[in-house]
Amino acid sequence: MITFEFPWPPRSLSPNARAHWSRKAKDAKHARQVAAWIVRGAGIRPGDFDIPGKLKVTWIFQEPDKRRRDDDNLISSVKAFRDGVADALGIDDARFETTIRRGPPVKGGLVRIELSAA
């Protein structure tokens, strides 16, 4: 199992946000790059792993406060992270089997992913 930690996604990436399209596009591009940098920073490069089938991806959300958030909005907010991880691994994100969990709130928020063979 490999674990990565990402910052809490920008508000503009939430499906409920009413952000201007250019702000959302800029934030999504940046989040995708950040995710790829974090994965590559761990020494992982495209093609390093021979992943024959599905890859189990567990998203652990540690929210910045105790406000309630819908799980579908949480997943949508980290789509750019998901794409960045897939880019860094050199695979199609359609091969991800996704599950989510919630951890205790932390200041500033945190998104952790755990990758393992399915």
PDB file of N, CA and C in Angstrom:
ATOM      1  N   MET A   1       0.843  -1.170   0.000  1.00  0.00           N
ATOM      2  CA  MET A   1       0.000   0.000   0.000  1.00  0.00           C
ATOM      3  C   MET A   1       0.896   1.243   0.000  1.00  0.00           C
ATOM      4  N   ILE A   2       0.512   2.223  -0.797  1.00  0.00           N
ATOM      5  CA  ILE A   2       1.221   3.489  -0.872  1.00  0.00           C
ATOM      6  C   ILE A   2       0.252   4.584  -0.453  1.00  0.00           C
ATOM      7  N   THR A   3       0.716   5.514   0.365  1.00  0.00           N
ATOM      8  CA  THR A   3      -0.130   6.597   0.859  1.00  0.00           C
ATOM      9  C   THR A   3       0.439   7.953   0.453  1.00  0.00           C
ATOM     10  N   PHE A   4      -0.450   8.846   0.030  1.00  0.00           N
ATOM     11  CA  PHE A   4      -0.086  10.213  -0.324  1.00  0.00           C
ATOM     12  C   PHE A   4      -1.017  11.172   0.388  1.00  0.00           C
ATOM     13  N   GLU A   5      -0.506  12.358   0.727  1.00  0.00           N
ATOM     14  CA  GLU A   5      -1.320  13.392   1.363  1.00  0.00           C
ATOM     15  C   GLU A   5      -1.375  14.620   0.469  1.00  0.00           C
ATOM     16  N   PHE A   6      -2.594  15.113   0.273  1.00  0.00           N
ATOM     17  CA  PHE A   6      -2.837  16.291  -0.545  1.00  0.00           C
ATOM     18  C   PHE A   6      -3.483  17.379   0.298  1.00  0.00           C
ATOM     19  N   PRO A   7      -3.294  18.635  -0.094  1.00  0.00           N
ATOM     20  CA  PRO A   7      -3.977  19.711   0.624  1.00  0.00           C
ATOM     21  C   PRO A   7      -5.482  19.649   0.347  1.00  0.00           C
ATOM     22  N   TRP A   8      -6.241  20.332   1.170  1.00  0.00           N
ATOM     23  CA  TRP A   8      -7.684  20.397   0.951  1.00  0.00           C
ATOM     24  C   TRP A   8      -7.929  21.117  -0.382  1.00  0.00           C
ATOM     25  N   PRO A   9      -8.848  20.608  -1.229  1.00  0.00           N
ATOM     26  CA  PRO A   9      -9.064  21.231  -2.534  1.00  0.00           C
ATOM     27  C   PRO A   9      -9.660  22.633  -2.419  1.00  0.00           C
ATOM     28  N   PRO A  10      -9.360  23.500  -3.382  1.00  0.00           N
ATOM     29  CA  PRO A  10      -9.928  24.848  -3.360  1.00  0.00           C
ATOM     30  C   PRO A  10     -11.451  24.808  -3.442  1.00  0.00           C
ATOM     31  N   ARG A  11     -12.070  25.778  -2.843  1.00  0.00           N
ATOM     32  CA  ARG A  11     -13.537  25.858  -2.830  1.00  0.00           C
ATOM     33  C   ARG A  11     -14.130  25.868  -4.232  1.00  0.00           C
ATOM     34  N   SER A  12     -13.424  26.465  -5.175  1.00  0.00           N
ATOM     35  CA  SER A  12     -13.939  26.574  -6.543  1.00  0.00           C
ATOM     36  C   SER A  12     -14.140  25.210  -7.208  1.00  0.00           C
ATOM     37  N   LEU A  13     -13.488  24.159  -6.713  1.00  0.00           N
ATOM     38  CA  LEU A  13     -13.618  22.837  -7.308  1.00  0.00           C
ATOM     39  C   LEU A  13     -14.823  22.062  -6.789  1.00  0.00           C
ATOM     40  N   SER A  14     -15.518  22.610  -5.816  1.00  0.00           N
ATOM     41  CA  SER A  14     -16.736  21.972  -5.323  1.00  0.00           C
ATOM     42  C   SER A  14     -17.851  22.151  -6.349  1.00  0.00           C
ATOM     43  N   PRO A  15     -18.649  21.117  -6.586  1.00  0.00           N
ATOM     44  CA  PRO A  15     -19.761  21.257  -7.524  1.00  0.00           C
ATOM     45  C   PRO A  15     -20.784  22.298  -7.059  1.00  0.00           C
ATOM     46  N   ASN A  16     -20.810  22.594  -5.783  1.00  0.00           N
ATOM     47  CA  ASN A  16     -21.761  23.582  -5.266  1.00  0.00           C
ATOM     48  C   ASN A  16     -21.254  25.008  -5.372  1.00  0.00           C
ATOM     49  N   ALA A  17     -19.986  25.192  -5.709  1.00  0.00           N
ATOM     50  CA  ALA A  17     -19.409  26.532  -5.808  1.00  0.00           C
ATOM     51  C   ALA A  17     -19.913  27.207  -7.078  1.00  0.00           C
ATOM     52  N   ARG A  18     -20.071  28.494  -6.987  1.00  0.00           N
ATOM     53  CA  ARG A  18     -20.506  29.268  -8.150  1.00  0.00           C
ATOM     54  C   ARG A  18     -19.325  30.109  -8.653  1.00  0.00           C
ATOM     55  N   ALA A  19     -18.232  29.430  -8.898  1.00  0.00           N
ATOM     56  CA  ALA A  19     -17.012  30.105  -9.330  1.00  0.00           C
ATOM     57  C   ALA A  19     -17.049  30.352 -10.840  1.00  0.00           C
ATOM     58  N   HIS A  20     -16.354  31.381 -11.249  1.00  0.00           N
ATOM     59  CA  HIS A  20     -16.216  31.668 -12.676  1.00  0.00           C
ATOM     60  C   HIS A  20     -15.466  30.522 -13.335  1.00  0.00           C
ATOM     61  N   TRP A  21     -15.817  30.207 -14.579  1.00  0.00           N
ATOM     62  CA  TRP A  21     -15.216  29.053 -15.254  1.00  0.00           C
ATOM     63  C   TRP A  21     -13.698  29.164 -15.343  1.00  0.00           C
ATOM     64  N   SER A  22     -13.179  30.383 -15.513  1.00  0.00           N
ATOM     65  CA  SER A  22     -11.732  30.513 -15.643  1.00  0.00           C
ATOM     66  C   SER A  22     -11.020  30.256 -14.318  1.00  0.00           C
ATOM     67  N   ARG A  23     -11.633  30.659 -13.210  1.00  0.00           N
ATOM     68  CA  ARG A  23     -11.071  30.393 -11.873  1.00  0.00           C
ATOM     69  C   ARG A  23     -11.068  28.888 -11.620  1.00  0.00           C
ATOM     70  N   LYS A  24     -12.186  28.238 -11.948  1.00  0.00           N
ATOM     71  CA  LYS A  24     -12.289  26.797 -11.736  1.00  0.00           C
ATOM     72  C   LYS A  24     -11.259  26.052 -12.588  1.00  0.00           C
ATOM     73  N   ALA A  25     -11.102  26.459 -13.844  1.00  0.00           N
ATOM     74  CA  ALA A  25     -10.138  25.801 -14.730  1.00  0.00           C
ATOM     75  C   ALA A  25      -8.705  25.978 -14.209  1.00  0.00           C
ATOM     76  N   LYS A  26      -8.388  27.169 -13.746  1.00  0.00           N
ATOM     77  CA  LYS A  26      -7.045  27.433 -13.215  1.00  0.00           C
ATOM     78  C   LYS A  26      -6.780  26.592 -11.970  1.00  0.00           C
ATOM     79  N   ASP A  27      -7.757  26.542 -11.062  1.00  0.00           N
ATOM     80  CA  ASP A  27      -7.595  25.754  -9.838  1.00  0.00           C
ATOM     81  C   ASP A  27      -7.512  24.263 -10.134  1.00  0.00           C
ATOM     82  N   ALA A  28      -8.298  23.789 -11.096  1.00  0.00           N
ATOM     83  CA  ALA A  28      -8.260  22.367 -11.455  1.00  0.00           C
ATOM     84  C   ALA A  28      -6.905  21.998 -12.058  1.00  0.00           C
ATOM     85  N   LYS A  29      -6.393  22.850 -12.919  1.00  0.00           N
ATOM     86  CA  LYS A  29      -5.081  22.588 -13.521  1.00  0.00           C
ATOM     87  C   LYS A  29      -3.996  22.548 -12.451  1.00  0.00           C
ATOM     88  N   HIS A  30      -4.054  23.492 -11.527  1.00  0.00           N
ATOM     89  CA  HIS A  30      -3.057  23.532 -10.457  1.00  0.00           C
ATOM     90  C   HIS A  30      -3.162  22.296  -9.557  1.00  0.00           C
ATOM     91  N   ALA A  31      -4.384  21.911  -9.191  1.00  0.00           N
ATOM     92  CA  ALA A  31      -4.582  20.734  -8.331  1.00  0.00           C
ATOM     93  C   ALA A  31      -4.068  19.470  -9.018  1.00  0.00           C
ATOM     94  N   ARG A  32      -4.305  19.362 -10.313  1.00  0.00           N
ATOM     95  CA  ARG A  32      -3.830  18.195 -11.061  1.00  0.00           C
ATOM     96  C   ARG A  32      -2.303  18.137 -11.059  1.00  0.00           C
ATOM     97  N   GLN A  33      -1.671  19.298 -11.241  1.00  0.00           N
ATOM     98  CA  GLN A  33      -0.211  19.353 -11.218  1.00  0.00           C
ATOM     99  C   GLN A  33       0.333  19.039  -9.830  1.00  0.00           C
ATOM    100  N   VAL A  34      -0.312  19.565  -8.803  1.00  0.00           N
ATOM    101  CA  VAL A  34       0.127  19.301  -7.428  1.00  0.00           C
ATOM    102  C   VAL A  34       0.078  17.805  -7.135  1.00  0.00           C
ATOM    103  N   ALA A  35      -1.011  17.153  -7.534  1.00  0.00           N
ATOM    104  CA  ALA A  35      -1.133  15.709  -7.295  1.00  0.00           C
ATOM    105  C   ALA A  35      -0.029  14.947  -8.013  1.00  0.00           C
ATOM    106  N   ALA A  36       0.240  15.306  -9.252  1.00  0.00           N
ATOM    107  CA  ALA A  36       1.300  14.622 -10.001  1.00  0.00           C
ATOM    108  C   ALA A  36       2.662  14.875  -9.353  1.00  0.00           C
ATOM    109  N   TRP A  37       2.910  16.097  -8.899  1.00  0.00           N
ATOM    110  CA  TRP A  37       4.182  16.414  -8.235  1.00  0.00           C
ATOM    111  C   TRP A  37       4.360  15.611  -6.955  1.00  0.00           C
ATOM    112  N   ILE A  38       3.284  15.475  -6.185  1.00  0.00           N
ATOM    113  CA  ILE A  38       3.372  14.727  -4.928  1.00  0.00           C
ATOM    114  C   ILE A  38       3.705  13.257  -5.206  1.00  0.00           C
ATOM    115  N   VAL A  39       3.022  12.675  -6.196  1.00  0.00           N
ATOM    116  CA  VAL A  39       3.277  11.266  -6.525  1.00  0.00           C
ATOM    117  C   VAL A  39       4.694  11.103  -7.079  1.00  0.00           C
ATOM    118  N   ARG A  40       5.087  11.987  -7.976  1.00  0.00           N
ATOM    119  CA  ARG A  40       6.440  11.892  -8.543  1.00  0.00           C
ATOM    120  C   ARG A  40       7.501  12.205  -7.498  1.00  0.00           C
ATOM    121  N   GLY A  41       7.164  13.061  -6.540  1.00  0.00           N
ATOM    122  CA  GLY A  41       8.082  13.379  -5.452  1.00  0.00           C
ATOM    123  C   GLY A  41       8.377  12.178  -4.571  1.00  0.00           C
ATOM    124  N   ALA A  42       7.469  11.210  -4.588  1.00  0.00           N
ATOM    125  CA  ALA A  42       7.685   9.976  -3.840  1.00  0.00           C
ATOM    126  C   ALA A  42       8.543   8.988  -4.636  1.00  0.00           C
ATOM    127  N   GLY A  43       8.998   9.425  -5.815  1.00  0.00           N
ATOM    128  CA  GLY A  43       9.873   8.570  -6.616  1.00  0.00           C
ATOM    129  C   GLY A  43       9.143   7.670  -7.587  1.00  0.00           C
ATOM    130  N   ILE A  44       7.867   7.898  -7.789  1.00  0.00           N
ATOM    131  CA  ILE A  44       7.084   7.058  -8.696  1.00  0.00           C
ATOM    132  C   ILE A  44       7.009   7.729 -10.058  1.00  0.00           C
ATOM    133  N   ARG A  45       7.268   6.949 -11.097  1.00  0.00           N
ATOM    134  CA  ARG A  45       7.225   7.453 -12.464  1.00  0.00           C
ATOM    135  C   ARG A  45       6.253   6.610 -13.284  1.00  0.00           C
ATOM    136  N   PRO A  46       5.748   7.175 -14.392  1.00  0.00           N
ATOM    137  CA  PRO A  46       4.856   6.382 -15.250  1.00  0.00           C
ATOM    138  C   PRO A  46       5.542   5.101 -15.702  1.00  0.00           C
ATOM    139  N   GLY A  47       4.837   4.004 -15.586  1.00  0.00           N
ATOM    140  CA  GLY A  47       5.387   2.726 -16.013  1.00  0.00           C
ATOM    141  C   GLY A  47       6.222   2.007 -14.972  1.00  0.00           C
ATOM    142  N   ASP A  48       6.404   2.599 -13.781  1.00  0.00           N
ATOM    143  CA  ASP A  48       7.183   1.932 -12.733  1.00  0.00           C
ATOM    144  C   ASP A  48       6.520   0.630 -12.286  1.00  0.00           C
ATOM    145  N   PHE A  49       5.205   0.623 -12.274  1.00  0.00           N
ATOM    146  CA  PHE A  49       4.466  -0.535 -11.790  1.00  0.00           C
ATOM    147  C   PHE A  49       3.742  -1.201 -12.938  1.00  0.00           C
ATOM    148  N   ASP A  50       3.763  -2.511 -12.924  1.00  0.00           N
ATOM    149  CA  ASP A  50       2.956  -3.256 -13.879  1.00  0.00           C
ATOM    150  C   ASP A  50       1.622  -3.516 -13.187  1.00  0.00           C
ATOM    151  N   ILE A  51       0.646  -2.688 -13.499  1.00  0.00           N
ATOM    152  CA  ILE A  51      -0.668  -2.788 -12.858  1.00  0.00           C
ATOM    153  C   ILE A  51      -1.592  -3.476 -13.854  1.00  0.00           C
ATOM    154  N   PRO A  52      -1.807  -4.780 -13.674  1.00  0.00           N
ATOM    155  CA  PRO A  52      -2.550  -5.536 -14.674  1.00  0.00           C
ATOM    156  C   PRO A  52      -4.053  -5.243 -14.692  1.00  0.00           C
ATOM    157  N   GLY A  53      -4.638  -4.927 -13.555  1.00  0.00           N
ATOM    158  CA  GLY A  53      -6.085  -4.741 -13.508  1.00  0.00           C
ATOM    159  C   GLY A  53      -6.454  -3.478 -12.783  1.00  0.00           C
ATOM    160  N   LYS A  54      -7.388  -3.629 -11.883  1.00  0.00           N
ATOM    161  CA  LYS A  54      -7.886  -2.491 -11.118  1.00  0.00           C
ATOM    162  C   LYS A  54      -6.892  -2.097 -10.024  1.00  0.00           C
ATOM    163  N   LEU A  55      -6.997  -0.856  -9.624  1.00  0.00           N
ATOM    164  CA  LEU A  55      -6.192  -0.323  -8.538  1.00  0.00           C
ATOM    165  C   LEU A  55      -7.147   0.225  -7.496  1.00  0.00           C
ATOM    166  N   LYS A  56      -7.042  -0.270  -6.273  1.00  0.00           N
ATOM    167  CA  LYS A  56      -7.931   0.184  -5.212  1.00  0.00           C
ATOM    168  C   LYS A  56      -7.426   1.516  -4.677  1.00  0.00           C
ATOM    169  N   VAL A  57      -8.296   2.521  -4.705  1.00  0.00           N
ATOM    170  CA  VAL A  57      -7.957   3.862  -4.234  1.00  0.00           C
ATOM    171  C   VAL A  57      -8.918   4.224  -3.113  1.00  0.00           C
ATOM    172  N   THR A  58      -8.381   4.442  -1.925  1.00  0.00           N
ATOM    173  CA  THR A  58      -9.190   4.856  -0.780  1.00  0.00           C
ATOM    174  C   THR A  58      -8.893   6.316  -0.501  1.00  0.00           C
ATOM    175  N   TRP A  59      -9.932   7.134  -0.567  1.00  0.00           N
ATOM    176  CA  TRP A  59      -9.819   8.566  -0.269  1.00  0.00           C
ATOM    177  C   TRP A  59     -10.216   8.779   1.172  1.00  0.00           C
ATOM    178  N   ILE A  60      -9.347   9.392   1.949  1.00  0.00           N
ATOM    179  CA  ILE A  60      -9.635   9.690   3.351  1.00  0.00           C
ATOM    180  C   ILE A  60      -9.680  11.210   3.483  1.00  0.00           C
ATOM    181  N   PHE A  61     -10.863  11.717   3.785  1.00  0.00           N
ATOM    182  CA  PHE A  61     -11.073  13.161   3.887  1.00  0.00           C
ATOM    183  C   PHE A  61     -11.031  13.591   5.341  1.00  0.00           C
ATOM    184  N   GLN A  62     -10.120  14.491   5.640  1.00  0.00           N
ATOM    185  CA  GLN A  62     -10.046  15.106   6.963  1.00  0.00           C
ATOM    186  C   GLN A  62     -10.388  16.575   6.765  1.00  0.00           C
ATOM    187  N   GLU A  63     -11.649  16.881   7.005  1.00  0.00           N
ATOM    188  CA  GLU A  63     -12.181  18.196   6.691  1.00  0.00           C
ATOM    189  C   GLU A  63     -11.579  19.289   7.567  1.00  0.00           C
ATOM    190  N   PRO A  64     -11.596  20.533   7.058  1.00  0.00           N
ATOM    191  CA  PRO A  64     -11.010  21.635   7.817  1.00  0.00           C
ATOM    192  C   PRO A  64     -11.881  22.099   8.989  1.00  0.00           C
ATOM    193  N   ASP A  65     -13.126  21.643   9.041  1.00  0.00           N
ATOM    194  CA  ASP A  65     -14.030  22.034  10.126  1.00  0.00           C
ATOM    195  C   ASP A  65     -15.093  20.946  10.276  1.00  0.00           C
ATOM    196  N   LYS A  66     -16.043  21.176  11.157  1.00  0.00           N
ATOM    197  CA  LYS A  66     -17.042  20.142  11.445  1.00  0.00           C
ATOM    198  C   LYS A  66     -18.325  20.287  10.628  1.00  0.00           C
ATOM    199  N   ARG A  67     -18.309  21.157   9.601  1.00  0.00           N
ATOM    200  CA  ARG A  67     -19.492  21.278   8.737  1.00  0.00           C
ATOM    201  C   ARG A  67     -19.716  19.976   7.988  1.00  0.00           C
ATOM    202  N   ARG A  68     -20.989  19.673   7.750  1.00  0.00           N
ATOM    203  CA  ARG A  68     -21.327  18.451   7.032  1.00  0.00           C
ATOM    204  C   ARG A  68     -21.111  18.651   5.531  1.00  0.00           C
ATOM    205  N   ARG A  69     -20.524  17.658   4.896  1.00  0.00           N
ATOM    206  CA  ARG A  69     -20.307  17.691   3.452  1.00  0.00           C
ATOM    207  C   ARG A  69     -20.788  16.371   2.861  1.00  0.00           C
ATOM    208  N   ASP A  70     -21.428  16.461   1.709  1.00  0.00           N
ATOM    209  CA  ASP A  70     -21.899  15.258   1.017  1.00  0.00           C
ATOM    210  C   ASP A  70     -20.718  14.502   0.440  1.00  0.00           C
ATOM    211  N   ASP A  71     -20.784  13.181   0.504  1.00  0.00           N
ATOM    212  CA  ASP A  71     -19.679  12.387  -0.019  1.00  0.00           C
ATOM    213  C   ASP A  71     -19.511  12.548  -1.530  1.00  0.00           C
ATOM    214  N   ASP A  72     -20.612  12.733  -2.262  1.00  0.00           N
ATOM    215  CA  ASP A  72     -20.478  12.908  -3.703  1.00  0.00           C
ATOM    216  C   ASP A  72     -19.792  14.232  -4.043  1.00  0.00           C
ATOM    217  N   ASN A  73     -20.005  15.260  -3.238  1.00  0.00           N
ATOM    218  CA  ASN A  73     -19.320  16.528  -3.460  1.00  0.00           C
ATOM    219  C   ASN A  73     -17.833  16.421  -3.115  1.00  0.00           C
ATOM    220  N   LEU A  74     -17.518  15.637  -2.094  1.00  0.00           N
ATOM    221  CA  LEU A  74     -16.113  15.437  -1.746  1.00  0.00           C
ATOM    222  C   LEU A  74     -15.369  14.778  -2.900  1.00  0.00           C
ATOM    223  N   ILE A  75     -15.946  13.731  -3.462  1.00  0.00           N
ATOM    224  CA  ILE A  75     -15.312  13.027  -4.582  1.00  0.00           C
ATOM    225  C   ILE A  75     -15.172  13.950  -5.790  1.00  0.00           C
ATOM    226  N   SER A  76     -16.207  14.723  -6.079  1.00  0.00           N
ATOM    227  CA  SER A  76     -16.142  15.649  -7.215  1.00  0.00           C
ATOM    228  C   SER A  76     -15.077  16.716  -7.023  1.00  0.00           C
ATOM    229  N   SER A  77     -14.888  17.142  -5.790  1.00  0.00           N
ATOM    230  CA  SER A  77     -13.912  18.193  -5.496  1.00  0.00           C
ATOM    231  C   SER A  77     -12.473  17.743  -5.728  1.00  0.00           C
ATOM    232  N   VAL A  78     -12.231  16.443  -5.664  1.00  0.00           N
ATOM    233  CA  VAL A  78     -10.859  15.944  -5.827  1.00  0.00           C
ATOM    234  C   VAL A  78     -10.629  15.271  -7.184  1.00  0.00           C
ATOM    235  N   LYS A  79     -11.510  15.529  -8.147  1.00  0.00           N
ATOM    236  CA  LYS A  79     -11.330  14.934  -9.469  1.00  0.00           C
ATOM    237  C   LYS A  79      -9.991  15.318 -10.080  1.00  0.00           C
ATOM    238  N   ALA A  80      -9.574  16.559  -9.904  1.00  0.00           N
ATOM    239  CA  ALA A  80      -8.286  16.987 -10.454  1.00  0.00           C
ATOM    240  C   ALA A  80      -7.136  16.233  -9.789  1.00  0.00           C
ATOM    241  N   PHE A  81      -7.239  15.962  -8.489  1.00  0.00           N
ATOM    242  CA  PHE A  81      -6.224  15.152  -7.809  1.00  0.00           C
ATOM    243  C   PHE A  81      -6.189  13.747  -8.409  1.00  0.00           C
ATOM    244  N   ARG A  82      -7.360  13.185  -8.618  1.00  0.00           N
ATOM    245  CA  ARG A  82      -7.477  11.842  -9.190  1.00  0.00           C
ATOM    246  C   ARG A  82      -6.799  11.786 -10.563  1.00  0.00           C
ATOM    247  N   ASP A  83      -7.072  12.789 -11.380  1.00  0.00           N
ATOM    248  CA  ASP A  83      -6.466  12.841 -12.708  1.00  0.00           C
ATOM    249  C   ASP A  83      -4.949  12.993 -12.622  1.00  0.00           C
ATOM    250  N   GLY A  84      -4.473  13.797 -11.679  1.00  0.00           N
ATOM    251  CA  GLY A  84      -3.039  13.983 -11.500  1.00  0.00           C
ATOM    252  C   GLY A  84      -2.341  12.707 -11.056  1.00  0.00           C
ATOM    253  N   VAL A  85      -2.984  11.951 -10.179  1.00  0.00           N
ATOM    254  CA  VAL A  85      -2.415  10.666  -9.731  1.00  0.00           C
ATOM    255  C   VAL A  85      -2.340   9.703 -10.915  1.00  0.00           C
ATOM    256  N   ALA A  86      -3.417   9.648 -11.701  1.00  0.00           N
ATOM    257  CA  ALA A  86      -3.426   8.770 -12.875  1.00  0.00           C
ATOM    258  C   ALA A  86      -2.340   9.182 -13.865  1.00  0.00           C
ATOM    259  N   ASP A  87      -2.166  10.489 -14.061  1.00  0.00           N
ATOM    260  CA  ASP A  87      -1.106  10.977 -14.948  1.00  0.00           C
ATOM    261  C   ASP A  87       0.266  10.505 -14.464  1.00  0.00           C
ATOM    262  N   ALA A  88       0.509  10.667 -13.169  1.00  0.00           N
ATOM    263  CA  ALA A  88       1.812  10.311 -12.604  1.00  0.00           C
ATOM    264  C   ALA A  88       2.072   8.808 -12.678  1.00  0.00           C
ATOM    265  N   LEU A  89       1.025   8.007 -12.559  1.00  0.00           N
ATOM    266  CA  LEU A  89       1.182   6.554 -12.643  1.00  0.00           C
ATOM    267  C   LEU A  89       1.214   6.060 -14.084  1.00  0.00           C
ATOM    268  N   GLY A  90       0.743   6.903 -15.010  1.00  0.00           N
ATOM    269  CA  GLY A  90       0.708   6.512 -16.409  1.00  0.00           C
ATOM    270  C   GLY A  90      -0.398   5.529 -16.733  1.00  0.00           C
ATOM    271  N   ILE A  91      -1.524   5.632 -16.001  1.00  0.00           N
ATOM    272  CA  ILE A  91      -2.657   4.744 -16.255  1.00  0.00           C
ATOM    273  C   ILE A  91      -3.929   5.567 -16.413  1.00  0.00           C
ATOM    274  N   ASP A  92      -4.976   4.920 -16.906  1.00  0.00           N
ATOM    275  CA  ASP A  92      -6.281   5.558 -17.047  1.00  0.00           C
ATOM    276  C   ASP A  92      -7.003   5.476 -15.702  1.00  0.00           C
ATOM    277  N   ASP A  93      -7.574   6.585 -15.254  1.00  0.00           N
ATOM    278  CA  ASP A  93      -8.238   6.583 -13.950  1.00  0.00           C
ATOM    279  C   ASP A  93      -9.525   5.754 -13.941  1.00  0.00           C
ATOM    280  N   ALA A  94      -9.949   5.241 -15.085  1.00  0.00           N
ATOM    281  CA  ALA A  94     -11.101   4.342 -15.129  1.00  0.00           C
ATOM    282  C   ALA A  94     -10.774   3.018 -14.437  1.00  0.00           C
ATOM    283  N   ARG A  95      -9.494   2.764 -14.215  1.00  0.00           N
ATOM    284  CA  ARG A  95      -9.067   1.517 -13.556  1.00  0.00           C
ATOM    285  C   ARG A  95      -9.089   1.622 -12.036  1.00  0.00           C
ATOM    286  N   PHE A  96      -9.445   2.781 -11.504  1.00  0.00           N
ATOM    287  CA  PHE A  96      -9.501   2.975 -10.054  1.00  0.00           C
ATOM    288  C   PHE A  96     -10.800   2.417  -9.489  1.00  0.00           C
ATOM    289  N   GLU A  97     -10.697   1.646  -8.428  1.00  0.00           N
ATOM    290  CA  GLU A  97     -11.854   1.241  -7.624  1.00  0.00           C
ATOM    291  C   GLU A  97     -11.841   2.150  -6.409  1.00  0.00           C
ATOM    292  N   THR A  98     -12.806   3.037  -6.310  1.00  0.00           N
ATOM    293  CA  THR A  98     -12.770   4.100  -5.325  1.00  0.00           C
ATOM    294  C   THR A  98     -13.642   3.805  -4.111  1.00  0.00           C
ATOM    295  N   THR A  99     -13.077   4.030  -2.935  1.00  0.00           N
ATOM    296  CA  THR A  99     -13.840   4.026  -1.690  1.00  0.00           C
ATOM    297  C   THR A  99     -13.456   5.295  -0.934  1.00  0.00           C
ATOM    298  N   ILE A 100     -14.365   5.733  -0.062  1.00  0.00           N
ATOM    299  CA  ILE A 100     -14.044   6.929   0.713  1.00  0.00           C
ATOM    300  C   ILE A 100     -14.250   6.662   2.198  1.00  0.00           C
ATOM    301  N   ARG A 101     -13.489   7.388   2.985  1.00  0.00           N
ATOM    302  CA  ARG A 101     -13.616   7.366   4.442  1.00  0.00           C
ATOM    303  C   ARG A 101     -13.447   8.800   4.922  1.00  0.00           C
ATOM    304  N   ARG A 102     -13.853   9.018   6.141  1.00  0.00           N
ATOM    305  CA  ARG A 102     -13.665  10.325   6.761  1.00  0.00           C
ATOM    306  C   ARG A 102     -12.815  10.166   8.006  1.00  0.00           C
ATOM    307  N   GLY A 103     -11.874  11.065   8.140  1.00  0.00           N
ATOM    308  CA  GLY A 103     -11.040  11.093   9.326  1.00  0.00           C
ATOM    309  C   GLY A 103     -11.434  12.279  10.184  1.00  0.00           C
ATOM    310  N   PRO A 104     -10.784  12.453  11.299  1.00  0.00           N
ATOM    311  CA  PRO A 104     -11.088  13.596  12.156  1.00  0.00           C
ATOM    312  C   PRO A 104     -10.680  14.899  11.477  1.00  0.00           C
ATOM    313  N   PRO A 105     -11.407  15.978  11.753  1.00  0.00           N
ATOM    314  CA  PRO A 105     -11.039  17.266  11.152  1.00  0.00           C
ATOM    315  C   PRO A 105      -9.629  17.698  11.566  1.00  0.00           C
ATOM    316  N   VAL A 106      -8.926  18.356  10.643  1.00  0.00           N
ATOM    317  CA  VAL A 106      -7.608  18.921  10.927  1.00  0.00           C
ATOM    318  C   VAL A 106      -7.590  20.354  10.413  1.00  0.00           C
ATOM    319  N   LYS A 107      -6.817  21.186  11.020  1.00  0.00           N
ATOM    320  CA  LYS A 107      -6.741  22.582  10.622  1.00  0.00           C
ATOM    321  C   LYS A 107      -6.265  22.689   9.169  1.00  0.00           C
ATOM    322  N   GLY A 108      -7.022  23.387   8.363  1.00  0.00           N
ATOM    323  CA  GLY A 108      -6.686  23.550   6.956  1.00  0.00           C
ATOM    324  C   GLY A 108      -7.204  22.432   6.064  1.00  0.00           C
ATOM    325  N   GLY A 109      -7.568  21.293   6.642  1.00  0.00           N
ATOM    326  CA  GLY A 109      -8.072  20.157   5.876  1.00  0.00           C
ATOM    327  C   GLY A 109      -6.957  19.364   5.219  1.00  0.00           C
ATOM    328  N   LEU A 110      -7.254  18.124   4.915  1.00  0.00           N
ATOM    329  CA  LEU A 110      -6.266  17.208   4.353  1.00  0.00           C
ATOM    330  C   LEU A 110      -7.003  16.111   3.598  1.00  0.00           C
ATOM    331  N   VAL A 111      -6.449  15.712   2.477  1.00  0.00           N
ATOM    332  CA  VAL A 111      -6.988  14.589   1.723  1.00  0.00           C
ATOM    333  C   VAL A 111      -5.859  13.574   1.576  1.00  0.00           C
ATOM    334  N   ARG A 112      -6.090  12.373   2.057  1.00  0.00           N
ATOM    335  CA  ARG A 112      -5.087  11.311   1.982  1.00  0.00           C
ATOM    336  C   ARG A 112      -5.632  10.232   1.054  1.00  0.00           C
ATOM    337  N   ILE A 113      -4.751   9.676   0.214  1.00  0.00           N
ATOM    338  CA  ILE A 113      -5.181   8.539  -0.593  1.00  0.00           C
ATOM    339  C   ILE A 113      -4.259   7.362  -0.318  1.00  0.00           C
ATOM    340  N   GLU A 114      -4.863   6.199  -0.348  1.00  0.00           N
ATOM    341  CA  GLU A 114      -4.132   4.949  -0.185  1.00  0.00           C
ATOM    342  C   GLU A 114      -4.329   4.143  -1.466  1.00  0.00           C
ATOM    343  N   LEU A 115      -3.240   3.750  -2.092  1.00  0.00           N
ATOM    344  CA  LEU A 115      -3.276   2.944  -3.308  1.00  0.00           C
ATOM    345  C   LEU A 115      -2.840   1.527  -2.982  1.00  0.00           C
ATOM    346  N   SER A 116      -3.597   0.562  -3.474  1.00  0.00           N
ATOM    347  CA  SER A 116      -3.208  -0.829  -3.296  1.00  0.00           C
ATOM    348  C   SER A 116      -3.789  -1.653  -4.445  1.00  0.00           C
ATOM    349  N   ALA A 117      -3.241  -2.832  -4.636  1.00  0.00           N
ATOM    350  CA  ALA A 117      -3.753  -3.720  -5.685  1.00  0.00           C
ATOM    351  C   ALA A 117      -5.151  -4.177  -5.309  1.00  0.00           C
ATOM    352  N   ALA A 118      -6.031  -4.230  -6.296  1.00  0.00           N
ATOM    353  CA  ALA A 118      -7.419  -4.631  -6.032  1.00  0.00           C
ATOM    354  C   ALA A 118      -7.570  -6.133  -6.050  1.00  0.00           C
TER     355      ALA A 118
END
